[in-house]
Amino acid sequence: MPTKIAVICSKAFMNRLTSIAHEVPHIQLDFYIYNSYEETSSLMKQVKPCDVLLLAGTLPYLYAKHLLRQWPIPWTYLKQDETTISTTLLTAISKRTVTINRLSIDVMNPAFIHNVLHDIQYEDAVPFIQQIDLTTPTEQLLKNHIALWQAQQIDLVITSIHAIHDELTTLGIPVMRMLDPKSSIIRRLDEAKSLSQLTKSESAKAVAGLIELHETHDNTITTIEQLAATIHASYQLVNASRYELFTTYGHLQKALDQNQLESFFTNSKQPVKLVFGYGESILEAQKNAQQALHYASPNAISILNENKELQGPFPKVTTTLSLQTKDPYVVHMAKETKLSPLNISKIMAFSKARQSLQFTAHDLSEYLQVTRRTTERILKKLVEHDYAKIVGEEMTYQQGRPRGLYELNFSTYL
């Protein structure tokens, strides 16, 4: 089956894309044409079922950005960059016989033009640059171009906006569109196709879940049935206090994204643990779910993926912790300190979550959800091997000895 790509673009870009698309096999294009970029948001609401969305430019992307946060399928957009500027300038110079300093160009990011001119060691006067953004009306950009032409300061306008191109053409002012290189368009089509294939592959990934209860109640089965229906799962009783679920990554991820699982804990009359394991097979997913159960928090969701990364507990936090590592530095650190990769991953996450470099054993104990004694043993090992250092003391207004201030002495940005 071909990958169906919904394309939001101008009529001119549709014609260009249609002439190129045959070079990317197994795709089908479904066009939604705007007369102005402001129509992008309304066109997105008209998009019919497809595999991936392609926006033909940075400006359409900016108009659609607020909708893309919740867009249910993969999307990408054709970015304006230095390659676009280089191709357009070369075409203008070779085909229109104009000089760079006699051009008026509207562009998303003026730095792109300056970068290209710097790279080609251009040292003469720069072209007239009109910056495009959502706060500048198209009419104002058009007036700027017309004023420069009437003042005989330019010989050609290069525009990124098709409405400006059409208006200047009507007025008889020399104008050309910004040219997206053929190679850039093909790369974007390939990317759109790959995004769709990756998403479909991920969505079909096996997921096994475990529900662990202390005791059952009259509404237990009803609550579990509602959960299973939400994530399109089948379920079975494992023993008196445990149920097993089977679904796919796509169904579970959709429920998590839309916060549809919180009601499960609300409807349950007792603390309950809910975990999921991902895998390339049901057997792998089951093993990961069983391992995730060891780290689960009551009334929260924990997930162990196929890379042995522990995610959650949702919905409270969305931290990702590694239960294993192949990084030589972390492996060496784990062996030297006798700390598990999980504890090291938690400490790194703790560091990233803090605004202050210094912390107390109490701070770390609260984050790790372990006893003060356990935390002090961890810190002692880190200090002994120079992975942490004591940098001072925190004076409290309560009785007792001052609390030591620690600072980590290794990279936590891995």
Protein backbone atom coordinates (compact mmCIF):
# COMPACT_ATOMS: atom_id res chain seq x y z
CA MET A 1 0.00 0.00 0.00
CA PRO A 2 1.34 3.47 -0.85
CA THR A 3 1.95 6.01 1.90
CA LYS A 4 -0.80 8.61 1.73
CA ILE A 5 0.62 12.11 2.33
CA ALA A 6 -1.69 15.06 2.96
CA VAL A 7 -0.01 18.21 1.61
CA ILE A 8 -1.07 21.73 2.64
CA CYS A 9 0.42 24.17 0.13
CA SER A 10 -0.15 26.79 -2.55
CA LYS A 11 -1.24 25.89 -6.09
CA ALA A 12 2.22 26.76 -7.42
CA PHE A 13 3.90 24.37 -4.99
CA MET A 14 1.35 21.66 -5.82
CA ASN A 15 2.37 21.89 -9.48
CA ARG A 16 6.06 21.69 -8.59
CA LEU A 17 5.56 18.80 -6.18
CA THR A 18 3.45 16.89 -8.70
CA SER A 19 6.28 17.10 -11.25
CA ILE A 20 8.77 15.65 -8.74
CA ALA A 21 6.75 13.12 -6.71
CA HIS A 22 7.18 10.26 -9.22
CA GLU A 23 10.82 10.02 -8.12
CA VAL A 24 9.72 8.83 -4.66
CA PRO A 25 8.09 5.40 -5.05
CA HIS A 26 4.98 4.18 -3.22
CA ILE A 27 3.49 7.50 -2.16
CA GLN A 28 0.09 9.08 -2.82
CA LEU A 29 -0.40 12.84 -2.48
CA ASP A 30 -3.63 14.44 -1.29
CA PHE A 31 -3.52 18.25 -1.70
CA TYR A 32 -5.21 20.96 0.37
CA ILE A 33 -4.65 24.32 -1.34
CA TYR A 34 -4.60 27.70 0.38
CA ASN A 35 -4.81 31.16 -1.13
CA SER A 36 -3.05 32.64 1.89
CA TYR A 37 -1.02 31.12 4.72
CA GLU A 38 -3.68 32.18 7.24
CA GLU A 39 -5.92 29.41 5.82
CA THR A 40 -3.55 26.67 7.02
CA SER A 41 -5.33 26.09 10.34
CA SER A 42 -8.76 25.75 8.72
CA LEU A 43 -7.37 23.42 6.05
CA MET A 44 -5.92 21.15 8.73
CA LYS A 45 -9.45 20.59 10.01
CA GLN A 46 -10.39 19.34 6.53
CA VAL A 47 -7.63 16.76 6.22
CA LYS A 48 -9.10 13.31 5.48
CA PRO A 49 -7.61 10.08 6.89
CA CYS A 50 -4.00 9.76 5.74
CA ASP A 51 -0.64 8.44 6.92
CA VAL A 52 1.34 11.65 7.34
CA LEU A 53 0.98 15.44 6.96
CA LEU A 54 3.39 17.66 4.99
CA LEU A 55 3.30 21.46 5.33
CA ALA A 56 4.93 23.26 2.40
CA GLY A 57 7.00 25.83 4.24
CA THR A 58 7.98 27.41 7.53
CA LEU A 59 5.18 29.98 7.49
CA PRO A 60 2.38 27.39 7.13
CA TYR A 61 4.06 25.48 9.94
CA LEU A 62 3.97 28.54 12.22
CA TYR A 63 0.26 29.05 11.54
CA ALA A 64 -0.41 25.36 12.26
CA LYS A 65 1.92 25.01 15.25
CA HIS A 66 -0.80 25.25 17.91
CA LEU A 67 -2.75 22.41 16.23
CA LEU A 68 0.28 20.20 15.65
CA ARG A 69 0.78 19.71 19.42
CA GLN A 70 -2.25 17.40 19.44
CA TRP A 71 -2.02 16.17 15.84
CA PRO A 72 -2.68 12.40 15.93
CA ILE A 73 -0.49 11.36 12.98
CA PRO A 74 3.15 12.11 12.03
CA TRP A 75 3.89 15.44 10.37
CA THR A 76 6.79 17.37 8.89
CA TYR A 77 7.34 20.60 7.00
CA LEU A 78 9.60 21.95 4.26
CA LYS A 79 12.05 24.24 6.00
CA GLN A 80 13.48 27.37 4.41
CA ASP A 81 17.26 27.31 4.87
CA GLU A 82 20.59 28.33 3.36
CA THR A 83 20.23 25.77 0.57
CA THR A 84 16.96 27.42 -0.52
CA ILE A 85 18.60 30.86 -0.48
CA SER A 86 21.67 29.67 -2.41
CA THR A 87 19.58 28.01 -5.12
CA THR A 88 17.35 31.06 -5.50
CA LEU A 89 20.21 33.58 -5.65
CA LEU A 90 22.10 31.48 -8.20
CA THR A 91 18.98 31.25 -10.37
CA ALA A 92 18.35 35.01 -10.11
CA ILE A 93 21.92 35.89 -11.08
CA SER A 94 22.19 33.41 -13.95
CA LYS A 95 18.68 33.66 -15.42
CA ARG A 96 17.67 37.26 -14.65
CA THR A 97 21.09 38.90 -15.01
CA VAL A 98 20.75 40.99 -11.87
CA THR A 99 23.21 41.90 -9.14
CA ILE A 100 22.68 40.91 -5.52
CA ASN A 101 22.56 44.46 -4.22
CA ARG A 102 19.64 45.23 -6.59
CA LEU A 103 17.36 42.59 -5.05
CA SER A 104 14.53 42.86 -2.53
CA ILE A 105 14.01 39.57 -0.72
CA ASP A 106 11.40 38.53 1.84
CA VAL A 107 12.62 35.67 3.99
CA MET A 108 11.78 33.92 7.27
CA ASN A 109 15.25 34.31 8.78
CA PRO A 110 17.57 37.06 7.45
CA ALA A 111 20.54 35.20 8.92
CA PHE A 112 20.19 32.64 6.12
CA ILE A 113 20.99 35.32 3.52
CA HIS A 114 23.90 36.72 5.51
CA ASN A 115 25.32 33.21 6.01
CA VAL A 116 25.20 32.47 2.28
CA LEU A 117 26.82 35.80 1.37
CA HIS A 118 29.53 35.19 3.96
CA ASP A 119 30.19 31.68 2.64
CA ILE A 120 30.68 32.93 -0.95
CA GLN A 121 32.86 35.79 0.34
CA TYR A 122 30.52 38.43 -1.02
CA GLU A 123 31.73 41.89 0.06
CA ASP A 124 29.51 44.35 -1.87
CA ALA A 125 26.26 45.93 -0.71
CA VAL A 126 23.70 43.42 0.57
CA PRO A 127 20.20 43.05 -0.89
CA PHE A 128 17.14 44.68 0.69
CA ILE A 129 15.79 42.14 3.18
CA GLN A 130 12.18 42.00 4.39
CA GLN A 131 11.70 39.64 7.34
CA ILE A 132 8.55 37.51 7.35
CA ASP A 133 6.80 36.80 10.64
CA LEU A 134 3.26 36.31 11.87
CA THR A 135 3.05 39.89 13.16
CA THR A 136 3.90 41.57 9.85
CA PRO A 137 0.92 41.71 7.44
CA THR A 138 1.53 40.46 3.93
CA GLU A 139 0.26 43.82 2.66
CA GLN A 140 3.13 45.61 4.43
CA LEU A 141 5.74 43.36 2.83
CA LEU A 142 4.12 43.99 -0.55
CA LYS A 143 4.24 47.78 0.02
CA ASN A 144 7.93 47.58 0.96
CA HIS A 145 8.77 45.76 -2.30
CA ILE A 146 6.69 48.20 -4.39
CA ALA A 147 8.26 51.24 -2.73
CA LEU A 148 11.79 49.99 -3.49
CA TRP A 149 10.82 49.35 -7.14
CA GLN A 150 9.24 52.76 -7.53
CA ALA A 151 12.34 54.37 -6.02
CA GLN A 152 14.39 52.51 -8.68
CA GLN A 153 16.52 50.86 -6.00
CA ILE A 154 15.88 47.28 -7.15
CA ASP A 155 15.63 45.30 -10.37
CA LEU A 156 13.95 42.15 -9.02
CA VAL A 157 11.85 40.96 -6.09
CA ILE A 158 12.34 37.48 -4.64
CA THR A 159 9.40 36.41 -2.51
CA SER A 160 8.49 33.45 -0.33
CA ILE A 161 4.79 34.38 -0.43
CA HIS A 162 2.78 33.34 -3.46
CA ALA A 163 0.17 36.10 -2.97
CA ILE A 164 2.93 38.73 -3.24
CA HIS A 165 4.24 37.00 -6.36
CA ASP A 166 0.82 37.12 -8.02
CA GLU A 167 0.21 40.79 -7.08
CA LEU A 168 3.62 41.97 -8.29
CA THR A 169 3.18 40.03 -11.53
CA THR A 170 -0.14 41.84 -12.07
CA LEU A 171 1.60 45.19 -11.47
CA GLY A 172 4.32 44.32 -13.98
CA ILE A 173 7.11 44.36 -11.38
CA PRO A 174 9.83 41.72 -12.02
CA VAL A 175 9.44 38.98 -9.41
CA MET A 176 10.40 35.36 -8.83
CA ARG A 177 9.47 32.84 -6.17
CA MET A 178 11.89 31.49 -3.61
CA LEU A 179 13.01 28.15 -5.03
CA ASP A 180 12.98 25.02 -2.88
CA PRO A 181 15.68 22.74 -4.33
CA LYS A 182 14.43 19.53 -5.86
CA SER A 183 16.75 17.54 -3.59
CA SER A 184 15.23 19.19 -0.48
CA ILE A 185 11.69 18.35 -1.60
CA ILE A 186 12.60 14.73 -2.31
CA ARG A 187 14.31 14.42 1.09
CA ARG A 188 11.19 15.78 2.79
CA LEU A 189 8.95 13.33 0.93
CA ASP A 190 11.27 10.48 1.92
CA GLU A 191 11.19 11.71 5.52
CA ALA A 192 7.39 11.84 5.49
CA LYS A 193 7.27 8.29 4.16
CA SER A 194 9.76 7.06 6.79
CA LEU A 195 7.86 8.80 9.61
CA SER A 196 4.69 6.99 8.60
CA GLN A 197 6.39 3.61 8.39
CA LEU A 198 8.13 4.09 11.75
CA THR A 199 4.90 5.16 13.45
CA LYS A 200 3.02 2.15 12.10
CA SER A 201 5.80 -0.17 13.23
CA GLU A 202 5.85 1.38 16.71
CA SER A 203 2.06 1.33 17.01
CA ALA A 204 1.97 -2.41 16.35
CA LYS A 205 4.56 -3.18 19.02
CA ALA A 206 3.40 -5.67 21.63
CA VAL A 207 2.44 -4.42 25.09
CA ALA A 208 1.75 -6.53 28.16
CA GLY A 209 0.30 -5.04 31.33
CA LEU A 210 -0.04 -6.17 34.93
CA ILE A 211 -2.55 -5.01 37.53
CA GLU A 212 -1.68 -5.88 41.10
CA LEU A 213 -4.34 -5.53 43.81
CA HIS A 214 -4.20 -6.10 47.57
CA GLU A 215 -7.74 -7.44 47.56
CA THR A 216 -10.70 -7.52 45.20
CA HIS A 217 -14.04 -5.75 45.58
CA ASP A 218 -17.44 -6.00 43.96
CA ASN A 219 -16.51 -3.44 41.31
CA THR A 220 -13.04 -4.83 40.54
CA ILE A 221 -14.03 -6.67 37.35
CA THR A 222 -16.06 -3.71 36.10
CA THR A 223 -13.11 -1.34 36.66
CA ILE A 224 -10.70 -3.70 34.86
CA GLU A 225 -13.12 -4.15 31.98
CA GLN A 226 -13.34 -0.36 31.60
CA LEU A 227 -9.54 -0.08 31.59
CA ALA A 228 -9.23 -2.86 29.00
CA ALA A 229 -11.82 -1.18 26.77
CA THR A 230 -9.97 2.16 27.00
CA ILE A 231 -6.71 0.65 25.68
CA HIS A 232 -8.37 -1.97 23.42
CA ALA A 233 -6.84 -4.77 25.50
CA SER A 234 -7.73 -8.34 26.34
CA TYR A 235 -7.25 -9.40 29.96
CA GLN A 236 -7.00 -12.54 32.05
CA LEU A 237 -6.77 -13.47 35.72
CA VAL A 238 -3.27 -14.59 36.76
CA ASN A 239 -3.99 -15.19 40.45
CA ALA A 240 -6.23 -13.80 43.17
CA SER A 241 -4.48 -10.42 43.21
CA ARG A 242 -3.12 -10.02 39.71
CA TYR A 243 -4.54 -9.50 36.21
CA GLU A 244 -2.67 -9.48 32.90
CA LEU A 245 -3.46 -7.24 29.92
CA PHE A 246 -2.46 -7.44 26.26
CA THR A 247 -2.63 -4.54 23.80
CA THR A 248 -0.45 -2.57 21.37
CA TYR A 249 1.80 0.46 21.79
CA GLY A 250 -0.45 2.62 19.61
CA HIS A 251 -3.57 2.03 21.72
CA LEU A 252 -1.75 2.52 25.02
CA GLN A 253 0.09 5.65 23.89
CA LYS A 254 -3.13 7.25 22.70
CA ALA A 255 -4.73 6.64 26.11
CA LEU A 256 -1.69 8.10 27.89
CA ASP A 257 -1.56 11.16 25.63
CA GLN A 258 -5.23 11.87 26.31
CA ASN A 259 -5.01 11.18 30.07
CA GLN A 260 -7.65 8.45 29.80
CA LEU A 261 -6.17 6.14 32.44
CA GLU A 262 -6.38 8.38 35.50
CA SER A 263 -10.00 7.35 36.10
CA PHE A 264 -8.83 3.77 36.68
CA PHE A 265 -7.18 4.83 39.93
CA THR A 266 -10.14 7.01 40.85
CA ASN A 267 -12.59 4.14 40.41
CA SER A 268 -10.45 1.70 42.35
CA LYS A 269 -11.32 1.54 46.07
CA GLN A 270 -7.80 0.55 47.12
CA PRO A 271 -4.14 1.19 46.20
CA VAL A 272 -3.34 -0.58 42.95
CA LYS A 273 -0.21 -0.99 40.86
CA LEU A 274 -0.46 -0.75 37.07
CA VAL A 275 2.58 -1.46 34.87
CA PHE A 276 3.25 -2.13 31.21
CA GLY A 277 6.09 -3.77 29.34
CA TYR A 278 6.98 -3.15 25.69
CA GLY A 279 8.59 -5.72 23.45
CA GLU A 280 9.08 -7.03 19.94
CA SER A 281 7.15 -10.10 21.06
CA ILE A 282 4.49 -10.86 23.66
CA LEU A 283 7.00 -12.91 25.65
CA GLU A 284 9.48 -10.00 25.82
CA ALA A 285 6.67 -7.59 26.75
CA GLN A 286 5.53 -9.93 29.57
CA LYS A 287 9.05 -10.16 31.00
CA ASN A 288 9.43 -6.38 30.94
CA ALA A 289 6.05 -5.90 32.64
CA GLN A 290 7.04 -8.31 35.41
CA GLN A 291 10.32 -6.45 35.91
CA ALA A 292 8.52 -3.08 35.94
CA LEU A 293 6.31 -4.34 38.77
CA HIS A 294 9.34 -4.37 41.11
CA TYR A 295 9.70 -0.61 40.69
CA ALA A 296 6.01 0.34 40.55
CA SER A 297 4.40 2.96 42.78
CA PRO A 298 0.81 2.59 44.04
CA ASN A 299 -1.85 4.44 42.01
CA ALA A 300 0.57 5.31 39.22
CA ILE A 301 1.66 3.80 35.91
CA SER A 302 5.18 2.54 35.25
CA ILE A 303 6.44 1.33 31.89
CA LEU A 304 9.54 -0.68 31.02
CA ASN A 305 10.36 -0.52 27.32
CA GLU A 306 12.38 -2.87 25.15
CA ASN A 307 15.55 -0.87 25.86
CA LYS A 308 15.19 -1.53 29.61
CA GLU A 309 14.24 2.10 30.26
CA LEU A 310 11.82 2.62 33.12
CA GLN A 311 9.33 5.41 32.40
CA GLY A 312 7.01 7.09 34.90
CA PRO A 313 5.40 6.91 37.30
CA PHE A 314 2.61 8.49 35.25
CA PRO A 315 0.72 10.79 35.60
CA LYS A 316 2.79 12.32 38.44
CA VAL A 317 6.13 12.41 36.64
CA THR A 318 7.44 11.27 33.27
CA THR A 319 11.06 10.50 34.15
CA THR A 320 12.92 7.89 32.09
CA LEU A 321 15.44 5.79 34.04
CA SER A 322 17.77 3.19 32.57
CA LEU A 323 17.89 -0.23 34.24
CA GLN A 324 20.93 -1.13 32.19
CA THR A 325 23.60 0.76 30.34
CA LYS A 326 26.23 0.13 27.71
CA ASP A 327 27.96 3.45 28.24
CA PRO A 328 31.54 2.58 29.32
CA TYR A 329 31.74 5.51 31.75
CA VAL A 330 28.53 4.56 33.56
CA VAL A 331 29.48 0.86 33.56
CA HIS A 332 32.82 1.74 35.15
CA MET A 333 31.08 4.00 37.68
CA ALA A 334 28.59 1.26 38.61
CA LYS A 335 31.34 -1.30 39.12
CA GLU A 336 33.51 1.09 41.11
CA THR A 337 30.78 2.31 43.46
CA LYS A 338 28.81 -0.94 43.58
CA LEU A 339 25.68 1.08 42.70
CA SER A 340 23.15 -0.25 40.20
CA PRO A 341 22.67 1.46 36.81
CA LEU A 342 19.14 2.27 38.00
CA ASN A 343 20.41 4.20 41.03
CA ILE A 344 22.94 6.06 38.87
CA SER A 345 20.18 6.87 36.36
CA LYS A 346 17.97 8.16 39.20
CA ILE A 347 20.78 10.35 40.55
CA MET A 348 21.36 11.79 37.08
CA ALA A 349 17.63 12.51 36.73
CA PHE A 350 17.66 14.11 40.19
CA SER A 351 20.49 16.42 39.11
CA LYS A 352 18.73 17.45 35.90
CA ALA A 353 15.51 18.21 37.78
CA ARG A 354 17.15 20.62 40.24
CA GLN A 355 17.92 24.29 39.76
CA SER A 356 20.58 24.26 42.47
CA LEU A 357 23.87 22.36 42.20
CA GLN A 358 24.02 21.73 45.96
CA PHE A 359 21.71 19.34 47.77
CA THR A 360 21.32 17.53 51.08
CA ALA A 361 20.85 13.85 51.81
CA HIS A 362 17.25 14.71 52.68
CA ASP A 363 16.70 16.22 49.19
CA LEU A 364 18.03 13.10 47.50
CA SER A 365 16.15 10.78 49.87
CA GLU A 366 12.84 12.45 49.01
CA TYR A 367 13.53 12.17 45.28
CA LEU A 368 14.63 8.53 45.40
CA GLN A 369 11.81 7.61 47.78
CA VAL A 370 14.18 5.62 50.00
CA THR A 371 15.21 5.94 53.64
CA ARG A 372 17.70 8.51 54.85
CA ARG A 373 20.10 5.72 55.80
CA THR A 374 20.00 4.24 52.29
CA THR A 375 20.63 7.66 50.78
CA GLU A 376 23.59 8.28 53.08
CA ARG A 377 25.11 4.94 52.04
CA ILE A 378 24.74 5.94 48.38
CA LEU A 379 26.33 9.34 49.01
CA LYS A 380 29.16 7.75 50.99
CA LYS A 381 30.04 5.54 48.02
CA LEU A 382 29.92 8.49 45.65
CA VAL A 383 32.15 10.61 47.88
CA GLU A 384 34.64 7.78 48.47
CA HIS A 385 35.17 7.45 44.70
CA ASP A 386 35.17 11.21 44.01
CA TYR A 387 31.82 11.18 42.17
CA ALA A 388 30.41 13.61 44.77
CA LYS A 389 31.91 16.02 47.25
CA ILE A 390 30.85 17.75 50.44
CA VAL A 391 30.82 21.49 49.80
CA GLY A 392 29.42 22.84 53.05
CA GLU A 393 26.74 22.56 55.70
CA GLU A 394 23.18 23.76 55.89
CA MET A 395 22.30 25.36 59.23
CA THR A 396 18.75 24.64 60.39
CA TYR A 397 16.66 26.28 63.05
CA GLN A 398 15.81 22.90 64.53
CA GLN A 399 17.75 20.90 67.04
CA GLY A 400 20.36 18.47 65.79
CA ARG A 401 23.56 18.62 63.84
CA PRO A 402 23.81 20.67 60.60
CA ARG A 403 23.01 18.87 57.37
CA GLY A 404 25.84 18.33 54.91
CA LEU A 405 25.67 19.95 51.48
CA TYR A 406 26.74 17.80 48.55
CA GLU A 407 27.57 18.46 44.92
CA LEU A 408 27.89 15.84 42.19
CA ASN A 409 31.30 15.53 40.55
CA PHE A 410 30.47 13.69 37.31
CA SER A 411 28.60 14.45 34.12
CA THR A 412 24.84 13.97 34.41
CA TYR A 413 24.05 15.01 30.82
CA LEU A 414 24.59 11.61 29.19
